[in-house]
C-alpha atoms as a PDB file:
ATOM      1  CA  UNK A   1      44.466 120.099 140.181  1.00  0.00           C
ATOM      2  CA  UNK A   2      43.461 122.559 142.803  1.00  0.00           C
ATOM      3  CA  UNK A   3      41.488 125.251 140.773  1.00  0.00           C
ATOM      4  CA  UNK A   4      39.761 122.987 138.115  1.00  0.00           C
ATOM      5  CA  UNK A   5      36.545 124.522 136.924  1.00  0.00           C
ATOM      6  CA  UNK A   6      36.921 127.381 139.570  1.00  0.00           C
ATOM      7  CA  UNK A   7      36.775 130.911 138.345  1.00  0.00           C
ATOM      8  CA  UNK A   8      39.631 132.981 139.558  1.00  0.00           C
ATOM      9  CA  UNK A   9      39.382 136.662 139.279  1.00  0.00           C
ATOM     10  CA  UNK A  10      41.953 138.859 137.535  1.00  0.00           C
ATOM     11  CA  UNK A  11      42.861 140.541 140.815  1.00  0.00           C
ATOM     12  CA  UNK A  12      43.367 137.276 142.640  1.00  0.00           C
ATOM     13  CA  UNK A  13      45.646 135.984 139.773  1.00  0.00           C
ATOM     14  CA  UNK A  14      47.574 139.263 139.785  1.00  0.00           C
ATOM     15  CA  UNK A  15      47.887 139.144 143.641  1.00  0.00           C
ATOM     16  CA  UNK A  16      49.304 135.615 143.422  1.00  0.00           C
ATOM     17  CA  UNK A  17      51.724 136.657 140.777  1.00  0.00           C
ATOM     18  CA  UNK A  18      52.718 139.998 142.517  1.00  0.00           C
ATOM     19  CA  UNK A  19      54.131 138.018 145.362  1.00  0.00           C
ATOM     20  CA  UNK A  20      57.044 137.711 143.200  1.00  0.00           C
ATOM     21  CA  UNK A  21      59.737 140.498 143.404  1.00  0.00           C
ATOM     22  CA  UNK A  22      58.403 142.547 140.552  1.00  0.00           C
ATOM     23  CA  UNK A  23      54.927 143.939 140.058  1.00  0.00           C
ATOM     24  CA  UNK A  24      52.729 142.429 137.375  1.00  0.00           C
ATOM     25  CA  UNK A  25      50.604 144.744 135.198  1.00  0.00           C
ATOM     26  CA  UNK A  26      47.174 143.857 133.843  1.00  0.00           C
ATOM     27  CA  UNK A  27      48.495 143.636 130.327  1.00  0.00           C
ATOM     28  CA  UNK A  28      51.297 141.225 131.475  1.00  0.00           C
ATOM     29  CA  UNK A  29      48.564 138.908 132.688  1.00  0.00           C
ATOM     30  CA  UNK A  30      46.829 139.025 129.342  1.00  0.00           C
ATOM     31  CA  UNK A  31      50.183 138.210 127.718  1.00  0.00           C
ATOM     32  CA  UNK A  32      50.702 135.229 129.957  1.00  0.00           C
ATOM     33  CA  UNK A  33      47.282 133.843 129.369  1.00  0.00           C
ATOM     34  CA  UNK A  34      47.718 134.310 125.705  1.00  0.00           C
ATOM     35  CA  UNK A  35      51.048 132.313 125.742  1.00  0.00           C
ATOM     36  CA  UNK A  36      49.419 129.603 127.874  1.00  0.00           C
ATOM     37  CA  UNK A  37      46.654 129.255 125.341  1.00  0.00           C
ATOM     38  CA  UNK A  38      49.176 129.096 122.544  1.00  0.00           C
ATOM     39  CA  UNK A  39      51.062 126.281 124.290  1.00  0.00           C
ATOM     40  CA  UNK A  40      48.176 124.414 125.898  1.00  0.00           C
ATOM     41  CA  UNK A  41      45.255 124.980 123.412  1.00  0.00           C
ATOM     42  CA  UNK A  42      42.450 127.488 123.568  1.00  0.00           C
ATOM     43  CA  UNK A  43      40.038 125.136 125.273  1.00  0.00           C
ATOM     44  CA  UNK A  44      42.222 124.863 128.350  1.00  0.00           C
ATOM     45  CA  UNK A  45      41.728 128.309 129.790  1.00  0.00           C
ATOM     46  CA  UNK A  46      38.249 129.691 129.644  1.00  0.00           C
ATOM     47  CA  UNK A  47      37.548 133.410 129.982  1.00  0.00           C
ATOM     48  CA  UNK A  48      34.602 134.228 132.148  1.00  0.00           C
ATOM     49  CA  UNK A  49      33.754 137.712 130.985  1.00  0.00           C
ATOM     50  CA  UNK A  50      33.747 140.339 133.645  1.00  0.00           C
ATOM     51  CA  UNK A  51      35.130 138.022 136.304  1.00  0.00           C
ATOM     52  CA  UNK A  52      38.353 136.314 135.379  1.00  0.00           C
ATOM     53  CA  UNK A  53      39.690 133.020 134.129  1.00  0.00           C
ATOM     54  CA  UNK A  54      39.027 129.306 134.729  1.00  0.00           C
ATOM     55  CA  UNK A  55      40.897 126.149 133.901  1.00  0.00           C
ATOM     56  CA  UNK A  56      38.365 124.062 132.062  1.00  0.00           C
ATOM     57  CA  UNK A  57      37.517 120.466 132.198  1.00  0.00           C
ATOM     58  CA  UNK A  58      39.713 119.882 129.164  1.00  0.00           C
ATOM     59  CA  UNK A  59      43.029 120.540 130.982  1.00  0.00           C
ATOM     60  CA  UNK A  60      41.924 118.390 133.903  1.00  0.00           C
ATOM     61  CA  UNK A  61      40.992 115.582 131.665  1.00  0.00           C
ATOM     62  CA  UNK A  62      44.230 116.032 129.701  1.00  0.00           C
ATOM     63  CA  UNK A  63      46.352 115.951 132.851  1.00  0.00           C
ATOM     64  CA  UNK A  64      44.376 113.032 134.183  1.00  0.00           C
ATOM     65  CA  UNK A  65      45.015 111.289 130.910  1.00  0.00           C
ATOM     66  CA  UNK A  66      48.674 111.939 131.111  1.00  0.00           C
ATOM     67  CA  UNK A  67      48.825 110.469 134.615  1.00  0.00           C
ATOM     68  CA  UNK A  68      46.702 107.493 133.488  1.00  0.00           C
ATOM     69  CA  UNK A  69      49.004 106.921 130.516  1.00  0.00           C
ATOM     70  CA  UNK A  70      52.044 107.186 132.826  1.00  0.00           C
ATOM     71  CA  UNK A  71      50.610 104.546 135.225  1.00  0.00           C
ATOM     72  CA  UNK A  72      49.738 102.254 132.307  1.00  0.00           C
ATOM     73  CA  UNK A  73      53.279 102.434 131.116  1.00  0.00           C
ATOM     74  CA  UNK A  74      54.612 101.615 134.581  1.00  0.00           C
ATOM     75  CA  UNK A  75      52.150  98.645 135.143  1.00  0.00           C
ATOM     76  CA  UNK A  76      53.736  95.533 133.619  1.00  0.00           C
ATOM     77  CA  UNK A  77      51.738  93.348 131.305  1.00  0.00           C
ATOM     78  CA  UNK A  78      51.467  89.914 133.061  1.00  0.00           C
ATOM     79  CA  UNK A  79      51.313  87.930 129.833  1.00  0.00           C
ATOM     80  CA  UNK A  80      54.656  89.626 128.624  1.00  0.00           C
ATOM     81  CA  UNK A  81      56.243  88.915 131.898  1.00  0.00           C
ATOM     82  CA  UNK A  82      55.080  85.294 131.887  1.00  0.00           C
ATOM     83  CA  UNK A  83      56.335  84.820 128.299  1.00  0.00           C
ATOM     84  CA  UNK A  84      59.637  86.413 129.171  1.00  0.00           C
ATOM     85  CA  UNK A  85      59.869  84.162 132.313  1.00  0.00           C
ATOM     86  CA  UNK A  86      59.223  80.946 130.145  1.00  0.00           C
ATOM     87  CA  UNK A  87      61.572  82.053 127.477  1.00  0.00           C
ATOM     88  CA  UNK A  88      64.418  82.718 130.041  1.00  0.00           C
ATOM     89  CA  UNK A  89      63.776  79.307 131.641  1.00  0.00           C
ATOM     90  CA  UNK A  90      63.945  77.707 128.211  1.00  0.00           C
ATOM     91  CA  UNK A  91      67.236  79.486 127.351  1.00  0.00           C
ATOM     92  CA  UNK A  92      68.653  78.393 130.767  1.00  0.00           C
ATOM     93  CA  UNK A  93      67.695  74.768 130.270  1.00  0.00           C
ATOM     94  CA  UNK A  94      69.242  74.700 126.762  1.00  0.00           C
ATOM     95  CA  UNK A  95      72.350  76.466 127.872  1.00  0.00           C
ATOM     96  CA  UNK A  96      72.749  74.184 130.857  1.00  0.00           C
ATOM     97  CA  UNK A  97      72.119  71.063 128.724  1.00  0.00           C
ATOM     98  CA  UNK A  98      74.787  72.275 126.128  1.00  0.00           C
ATOM     99  CA  UNK A  99      77.290  73.008 128.912  1.00  0.00           C
ATOM    100  CA  UNK A 100      76.721  69.608 130.496  1.00  0.00           C
ATOM    101  CA  UNK A 101      77.101  67.846 127.222  1.00  0.00           C
ATOM    102  CA  UNK A 102      80.399  69.676 126.500  1.00  0.00           C
ATOM    103  CA  UNK A 103      81.783  68.863 129.936  1.00  0.00           C
ATOM    104  CA  UNK A 104      80.698  65.237 129.637  1.00  0.00           C
ATOM    105  CA  UNK A 105      82.447  65.004 126.203  1.00  0.00           C
ATOM    106  CA  UNK A 106      85.678  66.574 127.708  1.00  0.00           C
ATOM    107  CA  UNK A 107      85.583  64.247 130.646  1.00  0.00           C
ATOM    108  CA  UNK A 108      85.095  61.162 128.496  1.00  0.00           C
ATOM    109  CA  UNK A 109      88.030  62.279 126.195  1.00  0.00           C
ATOM    110  CA  UNK A 110      90.259  62.680 129.278  1.00  0.00           C
ATOM    111  CA  UNK A 111      89.041  59.301 130.651  1.00  0.00           C
ATOM    112  CA  UNK A 112      89.665  57.615 127.349  1.00  0.00           C
ATOM    113  CA  UNK A 113      93.037  59.182 126.942  1.00  0.00           C
ATOM    114  CA  UNK A 114      93.933  57.942 130.443  1.00  0.00           C
ATOM    115  CA  UNK A 115      92.602  54.503 129.671  1.00  0.00           C
ATOM    116  CA  UNK A 116      94.759  54.323 126.617  1.00  0.00           C
ATOM    117  CA  UNK A 117      97.859  55.628 128.479  1.00  0.00           C
ATOM    118  CA  UNK A 118      97.232  52.909 131.159  1.00  0.00           C
ATOM    119  CA  UNK A 119      96.907  50.159 128.517  1.00  0.00           C
ATOM    120  CA  UNK A 120     100.133  51.333 126.925  1.00  0.00           C
ATOM    121  CA  UNK A 121     102.080  51.366 130.148  1.00  0.00           C
ATOM    122  CA  UNK A 122     100.606  47.999 131.077  1.00  0.00           C
ATOM    123  CA  UNK A 123     101.616  46.519 127.695  1.00  0.00           C
ATOM    124  CA  UNK A 124     105.183  47.883 127.884  1.00  0.00           C
ATOM    125  CA  UNK A 125     105.884  46.985 131.480  1.00  0.00           C
ATOM    126  CA  UNK A 126     107.541  43.836 132.695  1.00  0.00           C
ATOM    127  CA  UNK A 127     105.209  42.926 135.345  1.00  0.00           C
ATOM    128  CA  UNK A 128     105.663  39.593 136.944  1.00  0.00           C
ATOM    129  CA  UNK A 129     102.620  37.316 137.257  1.00  0.00           C
ATOM    130  CA  UNK A 130     100.883  37.193 140.495  1.00  0.00           C
ATOM    131  CA  UNK A 131     101.830  33.949 142.153  1.00  0.00           C
ATOM    132  CA  UNK A 132      98.994  31.654 142.636  1.00  0.00           C
END
């Protein structure tokens, strides 16, 4: 924050605001300060009597805390990621083992059916014995 704990005079604030298309009156500045205090809390904007206004340490701390909370939310927890990684590996191993077992059973069923079919054909065929 650029103006933390820096006292800004009323005229400096009015000058910044008057760069807009419409002119700002002194009472309009009071209304804006009042509304900001209502939204942010009274401790965030300090009145320096006879000079102007200052953004207090509270707002800087609050905005810094917001940034810190945001960064903490973005920073992944390594223990959660490690648990998630091992859980995913475990699920992959189990699902692969189940799929392999199902395929193996299907292949054995097909192989058994082919063996039975071959045995039936062999039993019903009139093969001549191999000459010795």
